Amino acid sequence: VSSVLRGLDVGSGPGIPGLLLAWQL
């Protein structure tokens, strides 16, 4: 959970799930 990560959410639309993962990580 505390790892430094670079993420890509493809077809994210309003931010699902990438934005929520950004909050959680």
PDB file of all heavy atoms in Angstrom:
ATOM      1  N   VAL A   1       0.824  -1.201   0.000  1.00  0.00           N
ATOM      2  CA  VAL A   1       0.000   0.000   0.000  1.00  0.00           C
ATOM      3  C   VAL A   1       0.863   1.258   0.000  1.00  0.00           C
ATOM      4  O   VAL A   1       0.503   2.284  -0.584  1.00  0.00           O
ATOM      5  CB  VAL A   1      -0.943   0.011   1.224  1.00  0.00           C
ATOM      6  CG1 VAL A   1      -1.678   1.339   1.350  1.00  0.00           C
ATOM      7  CG2 VAL A   1      -1.946  -1.133   1.129  1.00  0.00           C
ATOM      8  N   SER A   2       2.018   1.184   0.643  1.00  0.00           N
ATOM      9  CA  SER A   2       2.888   2.361   0.744  1.00  0.00           C
ATOM     10  C   SER A   2       3.936   2.433  -0.361  1.00  0.00           C
ATOM     11  O   SER A   2       4.828   3.281  -0.317  1.00  0.00           O
ATOM     12  CB  SER A   2       3.580   2.376   2.115  1.00  0.00           C
ATOM     13  OG  SER A   2       4.369   1.202   2.278  1.00  0.00           O
ATOM     14  N   SER A   3       3.834   1.551  -1.364  1.00  0.00           N
ATOM     15  CA  SER A   3       4.810   1.565  -2.457  1.00  0.00           C
ATOM     16  C   SER A   3       4.651   2.836  -3.292  1.00  0.00           C
ATOM     17  O   SER A   3       3.559   3.368  -3.468  1.00  0.00           O
ATOM     18  CB  SER A   3       4.605   0.344  -3.360  1.00  0.00           C
ATOM     19  OG  SER A   3       4.852  -0.859  -2.667  1.00  0.00           O
ATOM     20  N   VAL A   4       5.788   3.300  -3.816  1.00  0.00           N
ATOM     21  CA  VAL A   4       5.768   4.406  -4.769  1.00  0.00           C
ATOM     22  C   VAL A   4       5.457   3.805  -6.139  1.00  0.00           C
ATOM     23  O   VAL A   4       6.252   3.048  -6.687  1.00  0.00           O
ATOM     24  CB  VAL A   4       7.115   5.149  -4.793  1.00  0.00           C
ATOM     25  CG1 VAL A   4       7.087   6.262  -5.841  1.00  0.00           C
ATOM     26  CG2 VAL A   4       7.428   5.722  -3.418  1.00  0.00           C
ATOM     27  N   LEU A   5       4.289   4.129  -6.676  1.00  0.00           N
ATOM     28  CA  LEU A   5       3.820   3.498  -7.905  1.00  0.00           C
ATOM     29  C   LEU A   5       3.411   4.545  -8.926  1.00  0.00           C
ATOM     30  O   LEU A   5       2.917   5.617  -8.586  1.00  0.00           O
ATOM     31  CB  LEU A   5       2.607   2.605  -7.621  1.00  0.00           C
ATOM     32  CG  LEU A   5       2.805   1.430  -6.672  1.00  0.00           C
ATOM     33  CD1 LEU A   5       1.468   0.758  -6.394  1.00  0.00           C
ATOM     34  CD2 LEU A   5       3.794   0.424  -7.266  1.00  0.00           C
ATOM     35  N   ARG A   6       3.608   4.176 -10.193  1.00  0.00           N
ATOM     36  CA  ARG A   6       3.098   4.985 -11.296  1.00  0.00           C
ATOM     37  C   ARG A   6       2.004   4.169 -11.981  1.00  0.00           C
ATOM     38  O   ARG A   6       2.259   3.062 -12.454  1.00  0.00           O
ATOM     39  CB  ARG A   6       4.221   5.303 -12.272  1.00  0.00           C
ATOM     40  CG  ARG A   6       3.829   6.300 -13.355  1.00  0.00           C
ATOM     41  CD  ARG A   6       5.006   6.618 -14.249  1.00  0.00           C
ATOM     42  NE  ARG A   6       4.656   7.662 -15.208  1.00  0.00           N
ATOM     43  CZ  ARG A   6       5.416   8.013 -16.224  1.00  0.00           C
ATOM     44  NH1 ARG A   6       6.568   7.398 -16.442  1.00  0.00           N
ATOM     45  NH2 ARG A   6       5.034   8.973 -17.051  1.00  0.00           N
ATOM     46  N   GLY A   7       0.776   4.710 -12.020  1.00  0.00           N
ATOM     47  CA  GLY A   7      -0.351   3.954 -12.547  1.00  0.00           C
ATOM     48  C   GLY A   7      -1.019   4.637 -13.719  1.00  0.00           C
ATOM     49  O   GLY A   7      -0.996   5.862 -13.849  1.00  0.00           O
ATOM     50  N   LEU A   8      -1.631   3.821 -14.562  1.00  0.00           N
ATOM     51  CA  LEU A   8      -2.408   4.288 -15.706  1.00  0.00           C
ATOM     52  C   LEU A   8      -3.758   3.590 -15.678  1.00  0.00           C
ATOM     53  O   LEU A   8      -3.825   2.363 -15.594  1.00  0.00           O
ATOM     54  CB  LEU A   8      -1.681   3.965 -17.017  1.00  0.00           C
ATOM     55  CG  LEU A   8      -2.467   4.171 -18.319  1.00  0.00           C
ATOM     56  CD1 LEU A   8      -2.765   5.655 -18.545  1.00  0.00           C
ATOM     57  CD2 LEU A   8      -1.704   3.579 -19.512  1.00  0.00           C
ATOM     58  N   ASP A   9      -4.822   4.371 -15.780  1.00  0.00           N
ATOM     59  CA  ASP A   9      -6.174   3.824 -15.865  1.00  0.00           C
ATOM     60  C   ASP A   9      -6.695   4.106 -17.264  1.00  0.00           C
ATOM     61  O   ASP A   9      -6.923   5.264 -17.634  1.00  0.00           O
ATOM     62  CB  ASP A   9      -7.064   4.469 -14.803  1.00  0.00           C
ATOM     63  CG  ASP A   9      -8.442   3.837 -14.723  1.00  0.00           C
ATOM     64  OD1 ASP A   9      -8.575   2.667 -15.125  1.00  0.00           O
ATOM     65  OD2 ASP A   9      -9.371   4.517 -14.242  1.00  0.00           O
ATOM     66  N   VAL A  10      -6.871   3.050 -18.058  1.00  0.00           N
ATOM     67  CA  VAL A  10      -7.270   3.187 -19.459  1.00  0.00           C
ATOM     68  C   VAL A  10      -8.793   3.145 -19.564  1.00  0.00           C
ATOM     69  O   VAL A  10      -9.438   2.252 -19.025  1.00  0.00           O
ATOM     70  CB  VAL A  10      -6.640   2.065 -20.320  1.00  0.00           C
ATOM     71  CG1 VAL A  10      -7.031   2.244 -21.793  1.00  0.00           C
ATOM     72  CG2 VAL A  10      -5.125   2.064 -20.177  1.00  0.00           C
ATOM     73  N   GLY A  11      -9.357   4.113 -20.292  1.00  0.00           N
ATOM     74  CA  GLY A  11     -10.812   4.207 -20.363  1.00  0.00           C
ATOM     75  C   GLY A  11     -11.402   4.636 -19.042  1.00  0.00           C
ATOM     76  O   GLY A  11     -12.477   4.174 -18.641  1.00  0.00           O
ATOM     77  N   SER A  12     -10.739   5.560 -18.371  1.00  0.00           N
ATOM     78  CA  SER A  12     -11.073   5.922 -16.990  1.00  0.00           C
ATOM     79  C   SER A  12     -12.392   6.650 -16.854  1.00  0.00           C
ATOM     80  O   SER A  12     -13.049   6.565 -15.811  1.00  0.00           O
ATOM     81  CB  SER A  12      -9.951   6.786 -16.405  1.00  0.00           C
ATOM     82  OG  SER A  12     -10.161   7.039 -15.043  1.00  0.00           O
ATOM     83  N   GLY A  13     -12.812   7.378 -17.888  1.00  0.00           N
ATOM     84  CA  GLY A  13     -14.048   8.147 -17.777  1.00  0.00           C
ATOM     85  C   GLY A  13     -13.965   9.153 -16.646  1.00  0.00           C
ATOM     86  O   GLY A  13     -13.035   9.962 -16.586  1.00  0.00           O
ATOM     87  N   PRO A  14     -14.883   9.112 -15.687  1.00  0.00           N
ATOM     88  CA  PRO A  14     -14.872  10.075 -14.583  1.00  0.00           C
ATOM     89  C   PRO A  14     -13.865   9.719 -13.483  1.00  0.00           C
ATOM     90  O   PRO A  14     -13.870  10.340 -12.420  1.00  0.00           O
ATOM     91  CB  PRO A  14     -16.301  10.006 -14.054  1.00  0.00           C
ATOM     92  CG  PRO A  14     -16.730   8.607 -14.335  1.00  0.00           C
ATOM     93  CD  PRO A  14     -16.078   8.240 -15.647  1.00  0.00           C
ATOM     94  N   GLY A  15     -13.022   8.708 -13.733  1.00  0.00           N
ATOM     95  CA  GLY A  15     -11.989   8.364 -12.751  1.00  0.00           C
ATOM     96  C   GLY A  15     -12.166   7.022 -12.093  1.00  0.00           C
ATOM     97  O   GLY A  15     -11.659   6.786 -10.986  1.00  0.00           O
ATOM     98  N   ILE A  16     -12.847   6.107 -12.771  1.00  0.00           N
ATOM     99  CA  ILE A  16     -13.122   4.784 -12.206  1.00  0.00           C
ATOM    100  C   ILE A  16     -12.290   3.730 -12.936  1.00  0.00           C
ATOM    101  O   ILE A  16     -12.441   3.574 -14.142  1.00  0.00           O
ATOM    102  CB  ILE A  16     -14.617   4.433 -12.331  1.00  0.00           C
ATOM    103  CG1 ILE A  16     -15.488   5.509 -11.672  1.00  0.00           C
ATOM    104  CG2 ILE A  16     -14.913   3.067 -11.718  1.00  0.00           C
ATOM    105  CD1 ILE A  16     -16.968   5.354 -11.943  1.00  0.00           C
ATOM    106  N   PRO A  17     -11.404   2.997 -12.234  1.00  0.00           N
ATOM    107  CA  PRO A  17     -11.124   3.044 -10.795  1.00  0.00           C
ATOM    108  C   PRO A  17      -9.905   3.884 -10.422  1.00  0.00           C
ATOM    109  O   PRO A  17      -9.570   3.995  -9.253  1.00  0.00           O
ATOM    110  CB  PRO A  17     -10.844   1.588 -10.467  1.00  0.00           C
ATOM    111  CG  PRO A  17     -10.089   1.107 -11.678  1.00  0.00           C
ATOM    112  CD  PRO A  17     -10.749   1.816 -12.858  1.00  0.00           C
ATOM    113  N   GLY A  18      -9.205   4.468 -11.426  1.00  0.00           N
ATOM    114  CA  GLY A  18      -7.898   5.059 -11.167  1.00  0.00           C
ATOM    115  C   GLY A  18      -7.882   6.133 -10.097  1.00  0.00           C
ATOM    116  O   GLY A  18      -6.985   6.163  -9.235  1.00  0.00           O
ATOM    117  N   LEU A  19      -8.863   7.034 -10.124  1.00  0.00           N
ATOM    118  CA  LEU A  19      -8.892   8.114  -9.139  1.00  0.00           C
ATOM    119  C   LEU A  19      -9.070   7.561  -7.732  1.00  0.00           C
ATOM    120  O   LEU A  19      -8.420   8.020  -6.776  1.00  0.00           O
ATOM    121  CB  LEU A  19     -10.025   9.077  -9.480  1.00  0.00           C
ATOM    122  CG  LEU A  19     -10.229  10.244  -8.509  1.00  0.00           C
ATOM    123  CD1 LEU A  19      -8.993  11.125  -8.446  1.00  0.00           C
ATOM    124  CD2 LEU A  19     -11.446  11.064  -8.909  1.00  0.00           C
ATOM    125  N   LEU A  20      -9.922   6.554  -7.586  1.00  0.00           N
ATOM    126  CA  LEU A  20     -10.163   5.969  -6.268  1.00  0.00           C
ATOM    127  C   LEU A  20      -8.936   5.205  -5.782  1.00  0.00           C
ATOM    128  O   LEU A  20      -8.629   5.197  -4.586  1.00  0.00           O
ATOM    129  CB  LEU A  20     -11.389   5.065  -6.320  1.00  0.00           C
ATOM    130  CG  LEU A  20     -12.656   5.730  -6.864  1.00  0.00           C
ATOM    131  CD1 LEU A  20     -13.838   4.770  -6.816  1.00  0.00           C
ATOM    132  CD2 LEU A  20     -12.987   6.993  -6.094  1.00  0.00           C
ATOM    133  N   LEU A  21      -8.218   4.586  -6.705  1.00  0.00           N
ATOM    134  CA  LEU A  21      -6.972   3.914  -6.319  1.00  0.00           C
ATOM    135  C   LEU A  21      -5.921   4.927  -5.892  1.00  0.00           C
ATOM    136  O   LEU A  21      -5.122   4.662  -4.978  1.00  0.00           O
ATOM    137  CB  LEU A  21      -6.462   3.064  -7.478  1.00  0.00           C
ATOM    138  CG  LEU A  21      -7.279   1.806  -7.782  1.00  0.00           C
ATOM    139  CD1 LEU A  21      -6.815   1.167  -9.085  1.00  0.00           C
ATOM    140  CD2 LEU A  21      -7.181   0.803  -6.641  1.00  0.00           C
ATOM    141  N   ALA A  22      -5.888   6.073  -6.549  1.00  0.00           N
ATOM    142  CA  ALA A  22      -4.948   7.120  -6.146  1.00  0.00           C
ATOM    143  C   ALA A  22      -5.195   7.549  -4.706  1.00  0.00           C
ATOM    144  O   ALA A  22      -4.257   7.798  -3.934  1.00  0.00           O
ATOM    145  CB  ALA A  22      -5.065   8.316  -7.088  1.00  0.00           C
ATOM    146  N   TRP A  23      -6.471   7.620  -4.331  1.00  0.00           N
ATOM    147  CA  TRP A  23      -6.804   7.972  -2.940  1.00  0.00           C
ATOM    148  C   TRP A  23      -6.343   6.877  -1.987  1.00  0.00           C
ATOM    149  O   TRP A  23      -5.784   7.157  -0.919  1.00  0.00           O
ATOM    150  CB  TRP A  23      -8.304   8.192  -2.803  1.00  0.00           C
ATOM    151  CG  TRP A  23      -8.743   8.348  -1.380  1.00  0.00           C
ATOM    152  CD1 TRP A  23      -9.185   7.367  -0.541  1.00  0.00           C
ATOM    153  CD2 TRP A  23      -8.731   9.553  -0.611  1.00  0.00           C
ATOM    154  NE1 TRP A  23      -9.460   7.890   0.701  1.00  0.00           N
ATOM    155  CE2 TRP A  23      -9.188   9.229   0.694  1.00  0.00           C
ATOM    156  CE3 TRP A  23      -8.382  10.877  -0.892  1.00  0.00           C
ATOM    157  CZ2 TRP A  23      -9.308  10.172   1.690  1.00  0.00           C
ATOM    158  CZ3 TRP A  23      -8.503  11.831   0.118  1.00  0.00           C
ATOM    159  CH2 TRP A  23      -8.959  11.478   1.390  1.00  0.00           C
ATOM    160  N   GLN A  24      -6.572   5.624  -2.362  1.00  0.00           N
ATOM    161  CA  GLN A  24      -6.256   4.507  -1.470  1.00  0.00           C
ATOM    162  C   GLN A  24      -4.757   4.227  -1.378  1.00  0.00           C
ATOM    163  O   GLN A  24      -4.296   3.641  -0.387  1.00  0.00           O
ATOM    164  CB  GLN A  24      -6.972   3.235  -1.965  1.00  0.00           C
ATOM    165  CG  GLN A  24      -8.489   3.339  -2.019  1.00  0.00           C
ATOM    166  CD  GLN A  24      -9.135   3.448  -0.657  1.00  0.00           C
ATOM    167  OE1 GLN A  24      -8.482   3.293   0.369  1.00  0.00           O
ATOM    168  NE2 GLN A  24     -10.429   3.719  -0.633  1.00  0.00           N
ATOM    169  N   LEU A  25      -4.000   4.623  -2.402  1.00  0.00           N
ATOM    170  CA  LEU A  25      -2.558   4.359  -2.442  1.00  0.00           C
ATOM    171  C   LEU A  25      -1.837   5.706  -2.391  1.00  0.00           C
ATOM    172  O   LEU A  25      -1.523   6.303  -3.420  1.00  0.00           O
ATOM    173  CB  LEU A  25      -2.197   3.593  -3.713  1.00  0.00           C
ATOM    174  CG  LEU A  25      -2.887   2.228  -3.871  1.00  0.00           C
ATOM    175  CD1 LEU A  25      -2.732   1.706  -5.294  1.00  0.00           C
ATOM    176  CD2 LEU A  25      -2.318   1.222  -2.867  1.00  0.00           C
TER     177      LEU A  25
END
